N, C-alpha and C. Protein backbone atom coordinates (compact mmCIF):
# COMPACT_ATOMS: atom_id res chain seq x y z
N MET A 1 -3.12 -0.90 1.11
CA MET A 1 -1.81 -0.52 1.16
C MET A 1 -1.69 1.35 0.33
N CYS A 2 -1.27 1.68 0.83
CA CYS A 2 -1.23 3.58 0.47
C CYS A 2 -0.19 3.32 -0.68
N ASP A 3 -0.24 4.35 -2.20
CA ASP A 3 0.27 4.41 -3.45
C ASP A 3 1.88 5.18 -2.80
N THR A 4 1.39 6.17 -1.93
CA THR A 4 2.63 7.41 -1.57
C THR A 4 3.82 6.78 -0.82
N ASP A 5 3.15 6.23 -0.03
CA ASP A 5 4.23 5.16 1.29
C ASP A 5 4.26 3.74 1.17
N LEU A 6 3.78 2.97 0.81
CA LEU A 6 2.87 2.07 0.87
C LEU A 6 2.90 0.98 1.79
N ALA A 7 2.60 2.25 2.87
CA ALA A 7 2.02 1.37 4.45
C ALA A 7 0.75 1.44 4.10
N ASP A 8 0.50 0.41 5.52
CA ASP A 8 -0.50 -0.73 5.37
C ASP A 8 -1.59 -0.26 5.87
N TYR A 9 -2.59 0.11 5.61
CA TYR A 9 -3.74 1.11 6.40
C TYR A 9 -4.59 -0.68 6.78
N ASP A 10 -5.44 -0.39 7.94
CA ASP A 10 -6.40 -0.76 8.72
C ASP A 10 -7.86 -0.30 8.55
N LEU A 11 -8.64 -0.78 8.24
CA LEU A 11 -10.71 -0.11 7.92
C LEU A 11 -10.75 0.09 8.75
N ALA A 12 -11.53 1.07 9.58
CA ALA A 12 -12.03 1.87 10.47
C ALA A 12 -13.16 0.81 10.86
N ALA A 13 -14.10 0.75 11.91
CA ALA A 13 -15.08 0.01 12.46
C ALA A 13 -16.26 0.72 11.88
N GLY A 14 -16.80 0.32 11.26
CA GLY A 14 -18.28 1.21 10.22
C GLY A 14 -17.63 1.99 8.91
N SER A 15 -16.56 2.00 8.94
CA SER A 15 -15.83 2.47 7.25
C SER A 15 -16.56 2.66 5.93
N LEU A 16 -17.11 1.58 5.89
CA LEU A 16 -18.25 0.98 4.50
C LEU A 16 -19.52 1.13 4.54
N ILE A 17 -19.88 1.19 5.91
CA ILE A 17 -21.10 1.55 6.22
C ILE A 17 -21.61 3.36 5.55
N GLY A 18 -22.74 2.66 4.50
CA GLY A 18 -23.50 4.04 3.54
C GLY A 18 -22.67 4.06 2.48
N SER A 19 -21.11 3.44 2.54
CA SER A 19 -20.67 3.99 1.33
C SER A 19 -20.72 2.58 -0.32
N PRO A 20 -20.47 3.49 -1.32
CA PRO A 20 -21.28 2.78 -2.35
C PRO A 20 -20.09 1.20 -2.31
N PHE A 21 -19.06 0.93 -1.31
CA PHE A 21 -18.42 -0.10 -0.94
C PHE A 21 -19.10 -1.80 -0.57
N ARG A 22 -19.66 -2.52 -1.00
CA ARG A 22 -19.99 -3.99 -0.26
C ARG A 22 -18.69 -4.84 0.42
N MET A 23 -18.24 -4.39 -0.62
CA MET A 23 -16.80 -5.34 -0.01
C MET A 23 -15.36 -4.93 -0.90
N LEU A 24 -14.14 -4.70 -0.88
CA LEU A 24 -13.35 -4.26 -1.49
C LEU A 24 -12.67 -4.87 -2.05
N ARG A 25 -12.00 -5.11 -3.12
CA ARG A 25 -11.51 -6.75 -3.75
C ARG A 25 -10.11 -5.95 -4.13
N GLN A 26 -8.84 -7.30 -3.77
CA GLN A 26 -7.69 -6.82 -4.02
C GLN A 26 -7.35 -5.84 -5.02
N GLY A 27 -6.39 -4.50 -4.71
CA GLY A 27 -5.73 -3.84 -6.33
C GLY A 27 -7.09 -3.08 -6.67
N GLN A 28 -8.26 -2.97 -5.32
CA GLN A 28 -8.83 -1.63 -6.23
C GLN A 28 -8.59 -0.17 -5.52
N ARG A 29 -8.26 0.42 -6.47
CA ARG A 29 -8.03 1.63 -6.17
C ARG A 29 -8.76 2.53 -4.73
N VAL A 30 -8.25 3.48 -3.90
CA VAL A 30 -9.77 3.93 -3.55
C VAL A 30 -9.13 5.42 -3.06
N ILE A 31 -9.67 6.63 -1.76
CA ILE A 31 -9.20 7.76 -1.82
C ILE A 31 -9.88 7.08 -0.49
N PHE A 32 -8.96 7.73 0.57
CA PHE A 32 -9.43 7.37 2.34
C PHE A 32 -8.65 8.69 2.88
N ASP A 33 -9.83 8.66 4.19
CA ASP A 33 -8.85 9.77 4.61
C ASP A 33 -8.32 9.11 6.37
N LEU A 34 -7.52 9.44 7.39
CA LEU A 34 -7.46 8.46 8.46
C LEU A 34 -8.53 9.33 9.87
N ASP A 35 -8.51 8.04 10.04
CA ASP A 35 -8.85 8.57 11.98
C ASP A 35 -7.85 9.07 12.26
N GLY A 36 -8.32 9.33 14.13
CA GLY A 36 -7.15 9.87 15.13
C GLY A 36 -6.67 8.56 15.32
N ASP A 37 -6.71 6.98 14.82
CA ASP A 37 -6.03 6.38 15.44
C ASP A 37 -5.49 5.86 13.86
N GLY A 38 -5.29 6.50 12.88
CA GLY A 38 -4.20 5.64 11.88
C GLY A 38 -5.25 4.87 10.79
N ARG A 39 -6.49 4.79 11.02
CA ARG A 39 -7.18 3.78 10.32
C ARG A 39 -7.91 4.47 9.54
N ALA A 40 -8.55 4.05 8.15
CA ALA A 40 -8.16 4.07 7.13
C ALA A 40 -10.25 4.43 7.01
N THR A 41 -10.37 5.55 6.75
CA THR A 41 -12.12 5.44 7.41
C THR A 41 -12.51 6.80 5.54
N GLY A 42 -14.02 6.92 5.02
CA GLY A 42 -14.11 7.91 4.29
C GLY A 42 -14.00 7.62 3.19
N LEU A 43 -14.20 6.48 2.57
CA LEU A 43 -13.81 5.61 1.40
C LEU A 43 -14.58 5.95 0.29
N ARG A 44 -13.79 6.53 -1.20
CA ARG A 44 -14.58 7.05 -1.96
C ARG A 44 -13.65 6.79 -3.26
N LEU A 45 -14.30 5.88 -4.50
CA LEU A 45 -13.66 5.79 -5.93
C LEU A 45 -12.30 6.96 -6.08
N GLY A 46 -10.96 6.47 -6.53
CA GLY A 46 -10.01 6.92 -7.06
C GLY A 46 -10.03 7.01 -8.42
N SER A 47 -9.51 7.90 -9.33
CA SER A 47 -9.04 7.56 -10.19
C SER A 47 -7.63 7.47 -10.72
N GLU A 48 -6.71 8.02 -11.74
CA GLU A 48 -5.83 7.97 -12.21
C GLU A 48 -4.99 9.16 -11.71
N ILE A 49 -6.06 9.98 -11.89
CA ILE A 49 -5.86 11.45 -11.81
C ILE A 49 -5.55 11.79 -10.43
N ASP A 50 -7.24 11.78 -9.87
CA ASP A 50 -6.61 11.49 -8.22
C ASP A 50 -5.44 11.17 -7.34
N MET A 51 -5.28 9.82 -7.90
CA MET A 51 -4.06 9.39 -7.41
C MET A 51 -2.54 10.11 -7.80
N GLY A 52 -2.50 10.79 -8.63
CA GLY A 52 -1.58 11.41 -8.78
C GLY A 52 -0.48 10.58 -9.67
N THR A 53 -1.41 9.37 -10.29
CA THR A 53 -0.66 8.76 -11.00
C THR A 53 0.46 9.41 -12.46
N PRO A 54 1.87 9.68 -12.39
CA PRO A 54 2.27 9.96 -13.42
C PRO A 54 1.91 9.28 -14.97
N GLY A 55 1.67 9.97 -15.61
CA GLY A 55 1.14 10.32 -17.08
C GLY A 55 -0.53 10.18 -16.96
N PHE A 56 -1.29 10.63 -16.13
CA PHE A 56 -2.54 10.60 -16.11
C PHE A 56 -2.88 12.35 -15.79
N GLY A 57 -2.95 13.40 -16.89
CA GLY A 57 -2.73 14.24 -16.24
C GLY A 57 -4.41 14.81 -16.59
N PRO A 58 -4.94 15.83 -15.77
CA PRO A 58 -6.56 16.29 -16.33
C PRO A 58 -6.47 16.40 -17.68
N PRO A 59 -7.53 16.19 -18.25
CA PRO A 59 -7.98 16.33 -20.00
C PRO A 59 -7.86 18.38 -20.17
N PRO A 60 -7.32 17.82 -21.34
CA PRO A 60 -7.07 19.36 -22.23
C PRO A 60 -7.72 20.27 -22.14
N GLU A 61 -7.81 21.61 -21.71
CA GLU A 61 -9.07 22.55 -21.41
C GLU A 61 -9.52 22.04 -23.54
N VAL A 62 -10.80 22.48 -24.07
CA VAL A 62 -11.26 22.41 -25.09
C VAL A 62 -11.67 24.28 -25.60
């Protein structure tokens, strides 16, 4: 389920091959691209900052 539009996306065939994931657990946050058929591919780990979660901004510059 996508955080921004709450839509469900199916994984594209082979999208986990060569990725750090052997499987995804429920609630795990990832960033993904969509292929031409609207399936999730190119999965990578996401952080709260990457996801644009309110209250989680970039670290302050020192």
